[in-house]
C-alpha atoms as a PDB file:
ATOM      1  CA  MET A   1      -6.146  -8.467 -16.778  1.00  0.00           C
ATOM      2  CA  ALA A   2      -4.689  -6.440 -13.909  1.00  0.00           C
ATOM      3  CA  ASP A   3      -6.120  -6.755 -10.389  1.00  0.00           C
ATOM      4  CA  GLN A   4      -5.849  -4.635  -7.249  1.00  0.00           C
ATOM      5  CA  LEU A   5      -2.919  -5.602  -5.013  1.00  0.00           C
ATOM      6  CA  TYR A   6      -3.171  -5.440  -1.218  1.00  0.00           C
ATOM      7  CA  LEU A   7      -1.151  -6.114   1.914  1.00  0.00           C
ATOM      8  CA  ASN A   8      -3.316  -6.895   4.964  1.00  0.00           C
ATOM      9  CA  LEU A   9      -1.720  -6.645   8.411  1.00  0.00           C
ATOM     10  CA  TRP A  10      -3.016  -7.852  11.758  1.00  0.00           C
ATOM     11  CA  PHE A  11      -1.660  -7.020  15.212  1.00  0.00           C
ATOM     12  CA  PRO A  12      -2.019  -8.783  18.598  1.00  0.00           C
ATOM     13  CA  THR A  13      -3.996  -5.761  19.816  1.00  0.00           C
ATOM     14  CA  PHE A  14      -5.287  -2.689  17.988  1.00  0.00           C
ATOM     15  CA  ASP A  15      -7.372  -0.675  20.424  1.00  0.00           C
ATOM     16  CA  ALA A  16      -7.941   3.043  19.897  1.00  0.00           C
ATOM     17  CA  PRO A  17      -4.785   4.300  21.685  1.00  0.00           C
ATOM     18  CA  GLU A  18      -2.635   1.938  19.582  1.00  0.00           C
ATOM     19  CA  MET A  19      -4.094   2.752  16.161  1.00  0.00           C
ATOM     20  CA  ALA A  20      -1.978   5.849  15.548  1.00  0.00           C
ATOM     21  CA  THR A  21       1.210   4.297  16.947  1.00  0.00           C
ATOM     22  CA  ARG A  22       0.973   1.161  14.803  1.00  0.00           C
ATOM     23  CA  LEU A  23      -0.006   3.112  11.685  1.00  0.00           C
ATOM     24  CA  LEU A  24       2.947   5.454  12.163  1.00  0.00           C
ATOM     25  CA  ALA A  25       5.342   2.504  12.532  1.00  0.00           C
ATOM     26  CA  VAL A  26       4.222   1.174   9.127  1.00  0.00           C
ATOM     27  CA  LEU A  27       4.314   4.578   7.429  1.00  0.00           C
ATOM     28  CA  LYS A  28       7.864   5.279   8.656  1.00  0.00           C
ATOM     29  CA  LEU A  29       9.088   2.203   6.749  1.00  0.00           C
ATOM     30  CA  PHE A  30       7.402   3.174   3.482  1.00  0.00           C
ATOM     31  CA  PRO A  31       9.796   4.164   0.640  1.00  0.00           C
ATOM     32  CA  TYR A  32       8.208   7.437  -0.456  1.00  0.00           C
ATOM     33  CA  SER A  33       8.483   8.745  -4.006  1.00  0.00           C
ATOM     34  CA  LYS A  34      11.366  11.140  -4.594  1.00  0.00           C
ATOM     35  CA  SER A  35       9.212  13.391  -6.788  1.00  0.00           C
ATOM     36  CA  LEU A  36       6.092  13.193  -4.560  1.00  0.00           C
ATOM     37  CA  PRO A  37       7.515  12.706  -1.067  1.00  0.00           C
ATOM     38  CA  GLY A  38       5.604  12.360   2.168  1.00  0.00           C
ATOM     39  CA  ILE A  39       1.929  11.915   2.965  1.00  0.00           C
ATOM     40  CA  ARG A  40      -0.331  13.529   0.366  1.00  0.00           C
ATOM     41  CA  TYR A  41      -3.759  13.053   2.003  1.00  0.00           C
ATOM     42  CA  ALA A  42      -5.228  11.981   5.347  1.00  0.00           C
ATOM     43  CA  ALA A  43      -8.815  11.365   6.442  1.00  0.00           C
ATOM     44  CA  VAL A  44     -10.902   9.916   9.272  1.00  0.00           C
ATOM     45  CA  HIS A  45     -13.937   7.707   8.530  1.00  0.00           C
ATOM     46  CA  PRO A  46     -16.493   7.177  11.333  1.00  0.00           C
ATOM     47  CA  LEU A  47     -18.455   3.910  11.644  1.00  0.00           C
ATOM     48  CA  ASP A  48     -18.198   2.844   7.979  1.00  0.00           C
ATOM     49  CA  LEU A  49     -17.049   4.141   4.591  1.00  0.00           C
ATOM     50  CA  SER A  50     -20.512   5.424   3.654  1.00  0.00           C
ATOM     51  CA  GLU A  51     -20.529   7.974   6.494  1.00  0.00           C
ATOM     52  CA  PRO A  52     -19.379  11.585   5.953  1.00  0.00           C
ATOM     53  CA  LEU A  53     -15.737  12.154   6.843  1.00  0.00           C
ATOM     54  CA  LEU A  54     -14.929  13.512  10.293  1.00  0.00           C
ATOM     55  CA  PHE A  55     -11.682  15.012   9.020  1.00  0.00           C
ATOM     56  CA  GLU A  56      -9.654  15.294   5.842  1.00  0.00           C
ATOM     57  CA  GLN A  57      -6.502  17.153   4.889  1.00  0.00           C
ATOM     58  CA  THR A  58      -4.565  17.408   1.630  1.00  0.00           C
ATOM     59  CA  PHE A  59      -0.831  18.080   1.816  1.00  0.00           C
ATOM     60  CA  THR A  60       0.228  19.591  -1.500  1.00  0.00           C
ATOM     61  CA  GLU A  61       3.899  19.608  -0.503  1.00  0.00           C
ATOM     62  CA  GLY A  62       3.733  16.260   1.290  1.00  0.00           C
ATOM     63  CA  ALA A  63       3.736  15.878   5.085  1.00  0.00           C
ATOM     64  CA  GLU A  64       5.979  13.887   7.373  1.00  0.00           C
ATOM     65  CA  PRO A  65       4.199  10.761   8.682  1.00  0.00           C
ATOM     66  CA  GLU A  66       4.377  12.096  12.247  1.00  0.00           C
ATOM     67  CA  ILE A  67       2.495  15.264  11.225  1.00  0.00           C
ATOM     68  CA  ALA A  68      -0.261  13.459   9.313  1.00  0.00           C
ATOM     69  CA  VAL A  69      -0.779  10.755  11.937  1.00  0.00           C
ATOM     70  CA  GLY A  70      -0.689  13.378  14.690  1.00  0.00           C
ATOM     71  CA  LEU A  71      -3.698  15.087  13.093  1.00  0.00           C
ATOM     72  CA  LEU A  72      -5.568  11.787  12.801  1.00  0.00           C
ATOM     73  CA  ALA A  73      -4.772  10.866  16.400  1.00  0.00           C
ATOM     74  CA  GLU A  74      -7.140  13.585  17.589  1.00  0.00           C
ATOM     75  CA  PHE A  75      -9.959  11.254  16.487  1.00  0.00           C
ATOM     76  CA  LEU A  76      -9.122   8.071  18.385  1.00  0.00           C
ATOM     77  CA  ALA A  77     -12.042   5.632  18.545  1.00  0.00           C
ATOM     78  CA  ASP A  78     -12.510   1.905  18.012  1.00  0.00           C
ATOM     79  CA  ASP A  79     -15.240   2.539  15.420  1.00  0.00           C
ATOM     80  CA  HIS A  80     -13.128   4.870  13.261  1.00  0.00           C
ATOM     81  CA  ALA A  81     -10.792   4.223  10.354  1.00  0.00           C
ATOM     82  CA  TYR A  82      -7.864   6.297   9.150  1.00  0.00           C
ATOM     83  CA  GLU A  83      -7.035   6.756   5.476  1.00  0.00           C
ATOM     84  CA  ILE A  84      -3.620   7.832   4.203  1.00  0.00           C
ATOM     85  CA  GLU A  85      -2.499   8.451   0.615  1.00  0.00           C
ATOM     86  CA  ALA A  86       1.129   8.540  -0.455  1.00  0.00           C
ATOM     87  CA  ALA A  87       3.227   7.531  -3.453  1.00  0.00           C
ATOM     88  CA  TRP A  88       6.264   5.390  -4.163  1.00  0.00           C
ATOM     89  CA  ASP A  89       8.349   5.075  -7.305  1.00  0.00           C
ATOM     90  CA  LEU A  90       7.835   2.068  -9.586  1.00  0.00           C
ATOM     91  CA  TRP A  91       9.271   1.247 -12.984  1.00  0.00           C
ATOM     92  CA  THR A  92       6.480   1.784 -15.520  1.00  0.00           C
ATOM     93  CA  PRO A  93       6.386   1.159 -19.295  1.00  0.00           C
ATOM     94  CA  VAL A  94       5.865   4.297 -21.373  1.00  0.00           C
ATOM     95  CA  ARG A  95       5.140   4.320 -25.109  1.00  0.00           C
ATOM     96  CA  GLU A  96       5.179   7.538 -27.127  1.00  0.00           C
ATOM     97  CA  GLY A  97       3.466   7.183 -30.488  1.00  0.00           C
ATOM     98  CA  THR A  98       5.124   4.486 -32.585  1.00  0.00           C
ATOM     99  CA  LEU A  99       8.375   4.545 -30.638  1.00  0.00           C
ATOM    100  CA  ASP A 100       9.530   1.463 -28.767  1.00  0.00           C
ATOM    101  CA  GLU A 101       8.373   1.059 -25.211  1.00  0.00           C
ATOM    102  CA  LYS A 102      10.720   2.483 -22.586  1.00  0.00           C
ATOM    103  CA  TRP A 103      10.634   2.140 -18.831  1.00  0.00           C
ATOM    104  CA  GLU A 104      10.611   5.126 -16.490  1.00  0.00           C
ATOM    105  CA  LEU A 105      10.617   5.460 -12.716  1.00  0.00           C
ATOM    106  CA  GLN A 106       7.292   7.132 -11.910  1.00  0.00           C
ATOM    107  CA  PRO A 107       5.279   7.826  -8.743  1.00  0.00           C
ATOM    108  CA  ALA A 108       2.456   5.353  -8.093  1.00  0.00           C
ATOM    109  CA  GLN A 109      -0.288   6.061  -5.564  1.00  0.00           C
ATOM    110  CA  VAL A 110      -0.673   3.891  -2.482  1.00  0.00           C
ATOM    111  CA  ARG A 111      -3.593   4.075  -0.032  1.00  0.00           C
ATOM    112  CA  VAL A 112      -3.269   2.887   3.577  1.00  0.00           C
ATOM    113  CA  PHE A 113      -6.256   2.190   5.816  1.00  0.00           C
ATOM    114  CA  ALA A 114      -6.172   1.575   9.573  1.00  0.00           C
ATOM    115  CA  HIS A 115      -9.408  -0.060  10.770  1.00  0.00           C
ATOM    116  CA  GLY A 116     -10.510   0.233  14.394  1.00  0.00           C
ATOM    117  CA  ASP A 117     -11.834  -2.999  15.888  1.00  0.00           C
ATOM    118  CA  GLU A 118     -15.463  -1.798  15.718  1.00  0.00           C
ATOM    119  CA  PHE A 119     -15.269  -0.064  12.313  1.00  0.00           C
ATOM    120  CA  GLU A 120     -17.832  -1.550   9.896  1.00  0.00           C
ATOM    121  CA  GLU A 121     -18.657  -4.229  12.490  1.00  0.00           C
ATOM    122  CA  GLY A 122     -15.185  -5.729  12.560  1.00  0.00           C
ATOM    123  CA  LEU A 123     -14.005  -5.183   8.968  1.00  0.00           C
ATOM    124  CA  TYR A 124     -10.448  -5.735  10.206  1.00  0.00           C
ATOM    125  CA  LYS A 125     -11.103  -9.462  10.511  1.00  0.00           C
ATOM    126  CA  VAL A 126     -11.145  -9.683   6.709  1.00  0.00           C
ATOM    127  CA  GLN A 127      -9.139  -6.650   5.560  1.00  0.00           C
ATOM    128  CA  GLY A 128      -6.614  -6.399   8.376  1.00  0.00           C
ATOM    129  CA  HIS A 129      -6.104  -3.832  11.111  1.00  0.00           C
ATOM    130  CA  ILE A 130      -4.014  -2.052   8.487  1.00  0.00           C
ATOM    131  CA  GLN A 131      -4.519  -2.577   4.763  1.00  0.00           C
ATOM    132  CA  VAL A 132      -2.132  -1.219   2.130  1.00  0.00           C
ATOM    133  CA  ASP A 133      -3.734  -0.800  -1.299  1.00  0.00           C
ATOM    134  CA  PHE A 134      -0.927  -0.742  -3.883  1.00  0.00           C
ATOM    135  CA  GLY A 135      -3.243  -0.167  -6.839  1.00  0.00           C
ATOM    136  CA  LEU A 136      -3.096  -2.423  -9.889  1.00  0.00           C
ATOM    137  CA  ASP A 137      -0.691  -5.368  -9.813  1.00  0.00           C
ATOM    138  CA  ALA A 138       0.491  -4.747 -13.411  1.00  0.00           C
ATOM    139  CA  PRO A 139       3.899  -3.244 -12.403  1.00  0.00           C
ATOM    140  CA  PHE A 140       4.674  -6.545 -10.635  1.00  0.00           C
ATOM    141  CA  LEU A 141       2.932  -9.082 -12.861  1.00  0.00           C
ATOM    142  CA  ASP A 142       2.965  -7.836 -16.448  1.00  0.00           C
ATOM    143  CA  GLU A 143       0.801 -10.495 -18.093  1.00  0.00           C
ATOM    144  CA  SER A 144       1.290  -9.491 -21.733  1.00  0.00           C
ATOM    145  CA  ASP A 145       2.211 -12.302 -24.111  1.00  0.00           C
ATOM    146  CA  GLU A 146       5.540 -10.848 -25.156  1.00  0.00           C
ATOM    147  CA  VAL A 147       7.466  -9.570 -22.162  1.00  0.00           C
ATOM    148  CA  THR A 148      11.038  -8.611 -23.064  1.00  0.00           C
ATOM    149  CA  ASP A 149      14.081  -9.408 -20.946  1.00  0.00           C
ATOM    150  CA  GLU A 150      14.443  -5.686 -20.277  1.00  0.00           C
ATOM    151  CA  ALA A 151      10.851  -5.473 -19.051  1.00  0.00           C
ATOM    152  CA  LEU A 152      11.393  -8.470 -16.776  1.00  0.00           C
ATOM    153  CA  ARG A 153      14.401  -6.760 -15.196  1.00  0.00           C
ATOM    154  CA  TYR A 154      12.324  -3.700 -14.305  1.00  0.00           C
ATOM    155  CA  ILE A 155       9.450  -5.853 -13.049  1.00  0.00           C
ATOM    156  CA  ARG A 156      11.916  -7.704 -10.826  1.00  0.00           C
ATOM    157  CA  VAL A 157      13.043  -4.388  -9.285  1.00  0.00           C
ATOM    158  CA  ASN A 158       9.400  -3.540  -8.544  1.00  0.00           C
ATOM    159  CA  ILE A 159       8.789  -6.957  -6.980  1.00  0.00           C
ATOM    160  CA  GLN A 160      11.908  -6.613  -4.835  1.00  0.00           C
ATOM    161  CA  LYS A 161      10.673  -3.255  -3.530  1.00  0.00           C
ATOM    162  CA  LEU A 162       7.347  -4.862  -2.631  1.00  0.00           C
ATOM    163  CA  VAL A 163       9.042  -7.796  -0.896  1.00  0.00           C
ATOM    164  CA  ASP A 164      11.442  -5.497   0.996  1.00  0.00           C
ATOM    165  CA  LEU A 165       8.579  -3.383   2.353  1.00  0.00           C
ATOM    166  CA  THR A 166       6.561  -6.441   3.370  1.00  0.00           C
ATOM    167  CA  GLN A 167       9.523  -7.998   5.170  1.00  0.00           C
ATOM    168  CA  ALA A 168      10.463  -4.727   6.911  1.00  0.00           C
ATOM    169  CA  VAL A 169       6.925  -4.309   8.236  1.00  0.00           C
ATOM    170  CA  GLU A 170       6.851  -7.898   9.450  1.00  0.00           C
ATOM    171  CA  LYS A 171      10.211  -7.498  11.185  1.00  0.00           C
ATOM    172  CA  HIS A 172       9.781  -4.084  12.799  1.00  0.00           C
ATOM    173  CA  CYS A 173       6.057  -3.484  13.396  1.00  0.00           C
ATOM    174  CA  GLY A 174       5.048  -6.363  15.659  1.00  0.00           C
ATOM    175  CA  VAL A 175       2.453  -7.849  13.298  1.00  0.00           C
ATOM    176  CA  SER A 176       0.750 -11.107  14.239  1.00  0.00           C
ATOM    177  CA  GLY A 177      -0.301 -11.893  10.667  1.00  0.00           C
ATOM    178  CA  ARG A 178       0.048 -10.633   7.104  1.00  0.00           C
ATOM    179  CA  VAL A 179      -1.358 -11.516   3.695  1.00  0.00           C
ATOM    180  CA  LEU A 180      -0.181 -10.130   0.353  1.00  0.00           C
ATOM    181  CA  TRP A 181      -2.954 -10.753  -2.152  1.00  0.00           C
ATOM    182  CA  SER A 182      -4.656  -9.595  -5.325  1.00  0.00           C
ATOM    183  CA  GLU A 183      -8.292  -9.741  -6.412  1.00  0.00           C
ATOM    184  CA  SER A 184      -7.427 -12.542  -8.818  1.00  0.00           C
ATOM    185  CA  GLU A 185      -8.196 -15.991  -7.480  1.00  0.00           C
ATOM    186  CA  GLU A 186      -4.751 -17.154  -8.561  1.00  0.00           C
ATOM    187  CA  ASN A 187      -2.052 -17.568  -5.909  1.00  0.00           C
ATOM    188  CA  LEU A 188      -0.171 -14.266  -5.839  1.00  0.00           C
ATOM    189  CA  ALA A 189       2.949 -15.672  -4.186  1.00  0.00           C
ATOM    190  CA  GLN A 190       3.269 -18.334  -6.897  1.00  0.00           C
ATOM    191  CA  LYS A 191       2.831 -15.728  -9.625  1.00  0.00           C
ATOM    192  CA  LEU A 192       5.503 -13.476  -8.094  1.00  0.00           C
ATOM    193  CA  ILE A 193       7.936 -16.377  -7.698  1.00  0.00           C
ATOM    194  CA  ALA A 194       7.330 -17.433 -11.303  1.00  0.00           C
ATOM    195  CA  LYS A 195       7.991 -13.876 -12.476  1.00  0.00           C
ATOM    196  CA  LEU A 196      11.213 -13.635 -10.458  1.00  0.00           C
ATOM    197  CA  GLN A 197      12.417 -16.972 -11.839  1.00  0.00           C
ATOM    198  CA  ARG A 198      11.894 -15.748 -15.381  1.00  0.00           C
ATOM    199  CA  THR A 199      14.257 -12.862 -14.732  1.00  0.00           C
ATOM    200  CA  HIS A 200      17.268 -15.036 -13.926  1.00  0.00           C
END
């Protein structure tokens, strides 16, 4: 059964003036989808996620990260959270009728949240100052009983993209901590390593 996959990031400091700067640094490293480039949606949540939005904007053509974050930066506050939606390309199995499964590079939605220190009474302590929600972990951990060698090759490409992004953020964004995890209680790192080893 597939679970949600997340990357939680913590920074030495994340006060209101830094929120936009640190979020932008992460977004500039993101490998955007070629068919759905740029930021697709941006919003500002006050206090907690149950409150009405202070701001939201949809970008049908996709916006540069600087544009989207610049709009959010007008709402700087320690008890606010920013939400960004974008897409990246992952190899995905496609089956048409009774034909054999084939793999195609398709856009997959990613949601990024930046939590102010006072948002939801310190939600960042658990979910990170910035949390990247990659959606279901199936493109990285296909758990079906009969995974072909071809499928494993595509899964390995997806995993490598995930690892590359995580390492780039750690290297260039000044994070003080990071956790890549899924809702499953199993150790995600061990599962990813096992999957990579099966592809050799």
